[in-house]
Amino acid sequence: QVQLVESGGGLVQAGGSLRLSCAASGRILDINDMGWYRQAPGKQRELVATITNSGSTNYADSLLGRFTISRDNAKKTVYLQMNSLKPEDTAVYYCNADVGTWGLRRGYWGQGTQVTVSS
């Protein structure tokens, strides 16, 4: 069984910062890409950023320069540093990881963490 547990969401004023964390646990052999996605009310889930196990990153164009993704492979944890937050960043943020276990590789999702940015 593999679990992804996010933390670090909350309420912040516009212009503020938050750091999200997502830790993977369970019978994990290896983890390839990890990433963050978000879903605002009434909208589809969208990509925020992804990072490979060697540290290569990919961002949604609109978030370049404000958000930074990183990971600690030893801790099986991915982070999202969010700066200069705007009300339109309000969403549930989900962690995703491509996990290999004994005999199977698949993507897993966390339960989501709410980020609310007030104006």
C-alpha atoms as a PDB file:
ATOM      1  CA  GLN A   1       0.000   0.000   0.000  1.00  0.00           C
ATOM      2  CA  VAL A   2       1.335   3.431  -0.986  1.00  0.00           C
ATOM      3  CA  GLN A   3       0.171   6.692   0.544  1.00  0.00           C
ATOM      4  CA  LEU A   4       0.876  10.309  -0.331  1.00  0.00           C
ATOM      5  CA  VAL A   5       0.178  12.759   2.460  1.00  0.00           C
ATOM      6  CA  GLU A   6       0.162  16.498   1.784  1.00  0.00           C
ATOM      7  CA  SER A   7       0.582  19.228   4.370  1.00  0.00           C
ATOM      8  CA  GLY A   8       1.197  22.954   4.553  1.00  0.00           C
ATOM      9  CA  GLY A   9      -1.983  24.379   3.089  1.00  0.00           C
ATOM     10  CA  GLY A  10      -3.953  27.115   4.760  1.00  0.00           C
ATOM     11  CA  LEU A  11      -5.224  30.662   4.564  1.00  0.00           C
ATOM     12  CA  VAL A  12      -2.840  33.416   3.515  1.00  0.00           C
ATOM     13  CA  GLN A  13      -3.187  37.015   2.387  1.00  0.00           C
ATOM     14  CA  ALA A  14      -2.399  38.027  -1.161  1.00  0.00           C
ATOM     15  CA  GLY A  15       1.335  38.538  -1.570  1.00  0.00           C
ATOM     16  CA  GLY A  16       2.144  35.962   1.074  1.00  0.00           C
ATOM     17  CA  SER A  17       3.895  32.612   0.847  1.00  0.00           C
ATOM     18  CA  LEU A  18       3.185  28.992   1.663  1.00  0.00           C
ATOM     19  CA  ARG A  19       5.227  25.821   1.437  1.00  0.00           C
ATOM     20  CA  LEU A  20       3.477  22.565   0.693  1.00  0.00           C
ATOM     21  CA  SER A  21       4.953  19.165   1.439  1.00  0.00           C
ATOM     22  CA  CYS A  22       3.986  15.712   0.224  1.00  0.00           C
ATOM     23  CA  ALA A  23       5.503  12.586   1.738  1.00  0.00           C
ATOM     24  CA  ALA A  24       5.210   9.165   0.169  1.00  0.00           C
ATOM     25  CA  SER A  25       5.151   6.055   2.325  1.00  0.00           C
ATOM     26  CA  GLY A  26       4.506   2.346   2.020  1.00  0.00           C
ATOM     27  CA  ARG A  27       6.012  -0.503   0.030  1.00  0.00           C
ATOM     28  CA  ILE A  28       7.936   1.691  -2.398  1.00  0.00           C
ATOM     29  CA  LEU A  29      10.724   0.440  -4.592  1.00  0.00           C
ATOM     30  CA  ASP A  30      11.351   3.694  -6.414  1.00  0.00           C
ATOM     31  CA  ILE A  31       9.683   6.966  -7.414  1.00  0.00           C
ATOM     32  CA  ASN A  32      10.052   8.576 -10.807  1.00  0.00           C
ATOM     33  CA  ASP A  33       8.257  11.863 -11.465  1.00  0.00           C
ATOM     34  CA  MET A  34       6.530  13.726  -8.651  1.00  0.00           C
ATOM     35  CA  GLY A  35       4.320  16.717  -9.100  1.00  0.00           C
ATOM     36  CA  TRP A  36       1.696  19.142  -7.919  1.00  0.00           C
ATOM     37  CA  TYR A  37      -1.675  19.805  -9.472  1.00  0.00           C
ATOM     38  CA  ARG A  38      -4.494  22.057  -8.360  1.00  0.00           C
ATOM     39  CA  GLN A  39      -8.232  22.263  -8.764  1.00  0.00           C
ATOM     40  CA  ALA A  40     -10.213  25.423  -8.175  1.00  0.00           C
ATOM     41  CA  PRO A  41     -13.987  25.333  -7.602  1.00  0.00           C
ATOM     42  CA  GLY A  42     -15.825  24.705 -10.857  1.00  0.00           C
ATOM     43  CA  LYS A  43     -12.613  24.131 -12.807  1.00  0.00           C
ATOM     44  CA  GLN A  44     -10.658  21.143 -14.045  1.00  0.00           C
ATOM     45  CA  ARG A  45      -7.570  19.910 -12.274  1.00  0.00           C
ATOM     46  CA  GLU A  46      -4.495  21.542 -13.795  1.00  0.00           C
ATOM     47  CA  LEU A  47      -0.751  21.048 -13.721  1.00  0.00           C
ATOM     48  CA  VAL A  48       1.264  23.217 -11.366  1.00  0.00           C
ATOM     49  CA  ALA A  49       4.726  21.654 -11.611  1.00  0.00           C
ATOM     50  CA  THR A  50       6.545  18.353 -11.918  1.00  0.00           C
ATOM     51  CA  ILE A  51      10.029  17.167 -11.035  1.00  0.00           C
ATOM     52  CA  THR A  52      11.947  14.084 -12.123  1.00  0.00           C
ATOM     53  CA  ASN A  53      14.005  11.955  -9.745  1.00  0.00           C
ATOM     54  CA  SER A  54      17.120  13.645 -11.121  1.00  0.00           C
ATOM     55  CA  GLY A  55      15.738  17.123 -10.432  1.00  0.00           C
ATOM     56  CA  SER A  56      14.525  18.309 -13.825  1.00  0.00           C
ATOM     57  CA  THR A  57      11.498  20.534 -13.435  1.00  0.00           C
ATOM     58  CA  ASN A  58       8.506  21.592 -15.486  1.00  0.00           C
ATOM     59  CA  TYR A  59       6.081  24.383 -14.615  1.00  0.00           C
ATOM     60  CA  ALA A  60       2.796  25.737 -15.829  1.00  0.00           C
ATOM     61  CA  ASP A  61       3.777  28.815 -17.814  1.00  0.00           C
ATOM     62  CA  SER A  62       1.585  31.126 -15.740  1.00  0.00           C
ATOM     63  CA  LEU A  63       3.337  30.122 -12.500  1.00  0.00           C
ATOM     64  CA  LEU A  64       6.959  30.470 -13.577  1.00  0.00           C
ATOM     65  CA  GLY A  65       8.878  32.696 -11.220  1.00  0.00           C
ATOM     66  CA  ARG A  66       6.430  32.476  -8.314  1.00  0.00           C
ATOM     67  CA  PHE A  67       6.330  28.745  -7.558  1.00  0.00           C
ATOM     68  CA  THR A  68       9.290  26.417  -7.031  1.00  0.00           C
ATOM     69  CA  ILE A  69       9.128  22.628  -6.877  1.00  0.00           C
ATOM     70  CA  SER A  70      11.817  20.557  -5.176  1.00  0.00           C
ATOM     71  CA  ARG A  71      12.203  17.083  -3.713  1.00  0.00           C
ATOM     72  CA  ASP A  72      14.191  15.091  -1.213  1.00  0.00           C
ATOM     73  CA  ASN A  73      14.604  11.589  -2.621  1.00  0.00           C
ATOM     74  CA  ALA A  74      15.863  10.146   0.657  1.00  0.00           C
ATOM     75  CA  LYS A  75      12.716  11.364   2.410  1.00  0.00           C
ATOM     76  CA  LYS A  76      10.441  10.483  -0.544  1.00  0.00           C
ATOM     77  CA  THR A  77       9.065  14.007  -0.250  1.00  0.00           C
ATOM     78  CA  VAL A  78       8.211  16.702  -2.766  1.00  0.00           C
ATOM     79  CA  TYR A  79       7.789  20.365  -1.879  1.00  0.00           C
ATOM     80  CA  LEU A  80       6.101  23.354  -3.462  1.00  0.00           C
ATOM     81  CA  GLN A  81       7.242  26.801  -2.422  1.00  0.00           C
ATOM     82  CA  MET A  82       4.597  29.338  -3.390  1.00  0.00           C
ATOM     83  CA  ASN A  83       5.463  33.040  -3.271  1.00  0.00           C
ATOM     84  CA  SER A  84       3.588  36.207  -4.187  1.00  0.00           C
ATOM     85  CA  LEU A  85       0.321  34.345  -3.869  1.00  0.00           C
ATOM     86  CA  LYS A  86      -2.773  35.708  -5.597  1.00  0.00           C
ATOM     87  CA  PRO A  87      -6.470  35.089  -4.922  1.00  0.00           C
ATOM     88  CA  GLU A  88      -6.620  33.121  -8.180  1.00  0.00           C
ATOM     89  CA  ASP A  89      -4.175  30.610  -6.665  1.00  0.00           C
ATOM     90  CA  THR A  90      -6.961  29.504  -4.341  1.00  0.00           C
ATOM     91  CA  ALA A  91      -7.536  25.798  -4.950  1.00  0.00           C
ATOM     92  CA  VAL A  92      -7.109  22.331  -3.565  1.00  0.00           C
ATOM     93  CA  TYR A  93      -3.532  21.280  -4.278  1.00  0.00           C
ATOM     94  CA  TYR A  94      -2.870  17.620  -5.005  1.00  0.00           C
ATOM     95  CA  CYS A  95       0.380  15.710  -4.973  1.00  0.00           C
ATOM     96  CA  ASN A  96       1.062  13.045  -7.582  1.00  0.00           C
ATOM     97  CA  ALA A  97       3.849  10.481  -7.813  1.00  0.00           C
ATOM     98  CA  ASP A  98       4.838   7.765 -10.259  1.00  0.00           C
ATOM     99  CA  VAL A  99       5.675   4.931  -7.875  1.00  0.00           C
ATOM    100  CA  GLY A 100       7.233   1.560  -8.507  1.00  0.00           C
ATOM    101  CA  THR A 101       6.448  -1.226  -6.108  1.00  0.00           C
ATOM    102  CA  TRP A 102       7.267  -4.915  -6.362  1.00  0.00           C
ATOM    103  CA  GLY A 103       5.725  -5.897  -9.675  1.00  0.00           C
ATOM    104  CA  LEU A 104       3.737  -2.749 -10.415  1.00  0.00           C
ATOM    105  CA  ARG A 105       4.222   0.874 -11.428  1.00  0.00           C
ATOM    106  CA  ARG A 106       1.412   3.379 -11.267  1.00  0.00           C
ATOM    107  CA  GLY A 107       0.525   6.922 -10.363  1.00  0.00           C
ATOM    108  CA  TYR A 108      -0.762   7.803  -6.930  1.00  0.00           C
ATOM    109  CA  TRP A 109      -2.588  10.890  -5.684  1.00  0.00           C
ATOM    110  CA  GLY A 110      -2.685  12.498  -2.306  1.00  0.00           C
ATOM    111  CA  GLN A 111      -5.899  13.566  -0.611  1.00  0.00           C
ATOM    112  CA  GLY A 112      -5.323  17.251  -1.356  1.00  0.00           C
ATOM    113  CA  THR A 113      -4.635  20.293   0.778  1.00  0.00           C
ATOM    114  CA  GLN A 114      -6.641  23.502   0.625  1.00  0.00           C
ATOM    115  CA  VAL A 115      -4.895  26.765  -0.178  1.00  0.00           C
ATOM    116  CA  THR A 116      -6.966  29.918   0.208  1.00  0.00           C
ATOM    117  CA  VAL A 117      -5.571  33.322  -0.709  1.00  0.00           C
ATOM    118  CA  SER A 118      -7.523  36.319   0.519  1.00  0.00           C
ATOM    119  CA  SER A 119      -7.451  39.693  -1.217  1.00  0.00           C
END
